[in-house]
Amino acid sequence: QPLSLRVGDVTIPGILVAASAAALLLTVLLLFFLFSRAGSKAKNVLRVETDGGRTTVDRNVADAVLTAPLAARPDVISARSAVHTVRRAPAVELVVTVRRGASLAGVLAAAESAVRDWDALLGVRTPVMVHLADRGWRDSLRSRRRVR
């Protein structure tokens, strides 16, 4: 006789009980994972409070200042930034997607220059992670042969 659970006059097969328990556990773990990741994005890069008032720098300012000089380069496809909270302090992530054959040293030097300008503008050093990305999966969908 296979395992089963009897509730009143109803008999529930054991496999159904085990599948329901596994689904419940998986749902709880997924919710925990999602809620533990949700708070990592920050709205503000810098907040300074003085006797005269409060100054707040929004993440859109960081996006405009950091990505504009990089996006204007011919060897860069796109540049975007995001602000994350790391140990209760804001940190900027700068993702630069480069063209195939681009000079990575040149792109990295331009990114470092943009970060120096950003730090000079703020008057405070902000941690910035620069990620030089390639086109990745988009290139795998293209044919190697080009029309000439």
Protein backbone atom coordinates (compact mmCIF):
# COMPACT_ATOMS: atom_id res chain seq x y z
CA GLN A 1 0.00 0.00 0.00
CA PRO A 2 1.55 3.35 -1.04
CA LEU A 3 1.96 6.16 1.47
CA SER A 4 -1.10 8.38 1.82
CA LEU A 5 -2.58 10.92 4.17
CA ARG A 6 -6.09 10.44 5.44
CA VAL A 7 -8.06 13.59 6.33
CA GLY A 8 -11.55 12.70 7.49
CA ASP A 9 -13.14 10.63 4.73
CA VAL A 10 -10.65 11.82 2.08
CA THR A 11 -7.40 10.02 1.28
CA ILE A 12 -4.64 12.14 -0.25
CA PRO A 13 -1.86 10.28 -2.09
CA GLY A 14 1.61 10.65 -0.55
CA ILE A 15 3.14 11.87 -3.79
CA LEU A 16 0.68 14.79 -3.84
CA VAL A 17 1.56 15.69 -0.25
CA ALA A 18 5.29 15.57 -1.04
CA ALA A 19 4.85 17.66 -4.21
CA SER A 20 2.80 20.26 -2.33
CA ALA A 21 5.41 20.49 0.44
CA ALA A 22 8.20 20.89 -2.13
CA ALA A 23 6.26 23.60 -3.98
CA LEU A 24 5.62 25.46 -0.73
CA LEU A 25 9.27 25.28 0.25
CA LEU A 26 10.37 26.46 -3.19
CA THR A 27 7.92 29.39 -3.04
CA VAL A 28 9.19 30.47 0.39
CA LEU A 29 12.82 30.29 -0.77
CA LEU A 30 12.04 32.26 -3.95
CA LEU A 31 10.24 34.98 -1.98
CA PHE A 32 13.16 35.20 0.44
CA PHE A 33 15.58 35.53 -2.47
CA LEU A 34 13.52 38.26 -4.16
CA PHE A 35 12.98 40.32 -1.02
CA SER A 36 16.63 40.07 0.01
CA ARG A 37 17.69 41.53 -3.37
CA ALA A 38 15.08 44.27 -3.67
CA GLY A 39 16.75 46.78 -1.36
CA SER A 40 20.11 46.98 -3.13
CA LYS A 41 19.19 49.82 -5.52
CA ALA A 42 19.53 53.35 -4.21
CA LYS A 43 17.80 56.53 -5.36
CA ASN A 44 20.45 58.97 -4.23
CA VAL A 45 24.21 59.04 -4.72
CA LEU A 46 24.97 61.69 -2.17
CA ARG A 47 23.11 63.39 0.66
CA VAL A 48 24.73 66.26 2.53
CA GLU A 49 23.01 67.92 5.47
CA THR A 50 24.25 71.22 6.86
CA ASP A 51 22.78 73.95 9.03
CA GLY A 52 21.65 75.72 5.85
CA GLY A 53 19.70 72.74 4.50
CA ARG A 54 20.03 69.45 2.71
CA THR A 55 21.53 68.70 -0.71
CA THR A 56 20.71 65.46 -2.48
CA VAL A 57 22.26 64.17 -5.71
CA ASP A 58 19.92 61.86 -7.63
CA ARG A 59 21.11 58.79 -9.52
CA ASN A 60 19.97 60.36 -12.81
CA VAL A 61 22.65 63.02 -12.37
CA ALA A 62 25.26 60.29 -11.99
CA ASP A 63 23.93 58.58 -15.09
CA ALA A 64 24.13 61.78 -17.14
CA VAL A 65 27.58 62.85 -15.93
CA LEU A 66 29.25 59.45 -16.05
CA THR A 67 27.73 57.97 -19.20
CA ALA A 68 27.58 61.01 -21.53
CA PRO A 69 31.33 61.19 -22.31
CA LEU A 70 31.50 57.43 -22.77
CA ALA A 71 28.41 57.12 -24.98
CA ALA A 72 29.84 59.80 -27.30
CA ARG A 73 32.88 57.62 -28.10
CA PRO A 74 32.75 55.78 -31.46
CA ASP A 75 34.06 52.54 -29.91
CA VAL A 76 31.27 52.42 -27.30
CA ILE A 77 27.84 51.02 -28.13
CA SER A 78 26.16 52.05 -24.90
CA ALA A 79 26.89 53.17 -21.37
CA ARG A 80 24.61 53.04 -18.36
CA SER A 81 24.95 53.44 -14.65
CA ALA A 82 23.15 52.27 -11.55
CA VAL A 83 23.50 53.13 -7.89
CA HIS A 84 23.55 50.38 -5.27
CA THR A 85 23.76 50.48 -1.51
CA VAL A 86 26.80 48.61 -0.23
CA ARG A 87 27.31 48.55 3.54
CA ARG A 88 24.86 51.44 3.91
CA ALA A 89 26.83 53.65 1.51
CA PRO A 90 26.06 54.38 -2.15
CA ALA A 91 28.25 52.84 -4.84
CA VAL A 92 27.96 53.48 -8.57
CA GLU A 93 28.05 50.71 -11.16
CA LEU A 94 29.10 51.88 -14.62
CA VAL A 95 28.47 49.36 -17.43
CA VAL A 96 30.06 50.17 -20.79
CA THR A 97 29.25 47.99 -23.79
CA VAL A 98 32.10 48.23 -26.28
CA ARG A 99 32.25 47.51 -29.99
CA ARG A 100 34.21 44.54 -31.26
CA GLY A 101 37.85 45.49 -31.70
CA ALA A 102 37.59 48.56 -29.46
CA SER A 103 40.64 49.72 -27.55
CA LEU A 104 39.80 48.60 -24.03
CA ALA A 105 42.63 50.67 -22.59
CA GLY A 106 41.22 53.78 -24.27
CA VAL A 107 37.68 53.08 -23.07
CA LEU A 108 38.93 52.40 -19.55
CA ALA A 109 40.97 55.62 -19.57
CA ALA A 110 37.85 57.55 -20.65
CA ALA A 111 35.85 55.87 -17.87
CA GLU A 112 38.52 56.77 -15.30
CA SER A 113 38.48 60.36 -16.54
CA ALA A 114 34.68 60.48 -16.19
CA VAL A 115 34.96 59.09 -12.65
CA ARG A 116 37.59 61.72 -11.74
CA ASP A 117 35.29 64.45 -13.10
CA TRP A 118 32.41 62.96 -11.12
CA ASP A 119 34.41 62.93 -7.89
CA ALA A 120 35.55 66.53 -8.50
CA LEU A 121 31.95 67.60 -9.12
CA LEU A 122 30.74 65.98 -5.89
CA GLY A 123 33.75 66.95 -3.80
CA VAL A 124 33.66 63.45 -2.33
CA ARG A 125 35.10 60.18 -3.64
CA THR A 126 32.33 57.74 -4.50
CA PRO A 127 33.10 54.06 -5.09
CA VAL A 128 32.57 53.28 -8.78
CA MET A 129 32.77 49.83 -10.36
CA VAL A 130 33.45 49.93 -14.10
CA HIS A 131 32.28 46.91 -16.08
CA LEU A 132 33.45 46.69 -19.68
CA ALA A 133 30.90 44.45 -21.37
CA ASP A 134 30.78 42.89 -24.80
CA ARG A 135 27.70 42.30 -26.87
CA GLY A 136 27.53 38.72 -25.61
CA TRP A 137 24.49 36.75 -26.63
CA ARG A 138 23.50 39.28 -29.31
CA ASP A 139 26.58 38.40 -31.33
CA SER A 140 25.80 34.69 -31.14
CA LEU A 141 22.52 35.33 -32.99
CA ARG A 142 24.28 37.01 -35.91
CA SER A 143 25.87 35.36 -38.87
CA ARG A 144 29.66 35.56 -39.10
CA ARG A 145 29.32 36.55 -42.76
CA ARG A 146 28.67 40.19 -43.55
CA VAL A 147 27.16 41.63 -46.72
CA ARG A 148 29.76 43.51 -48.76
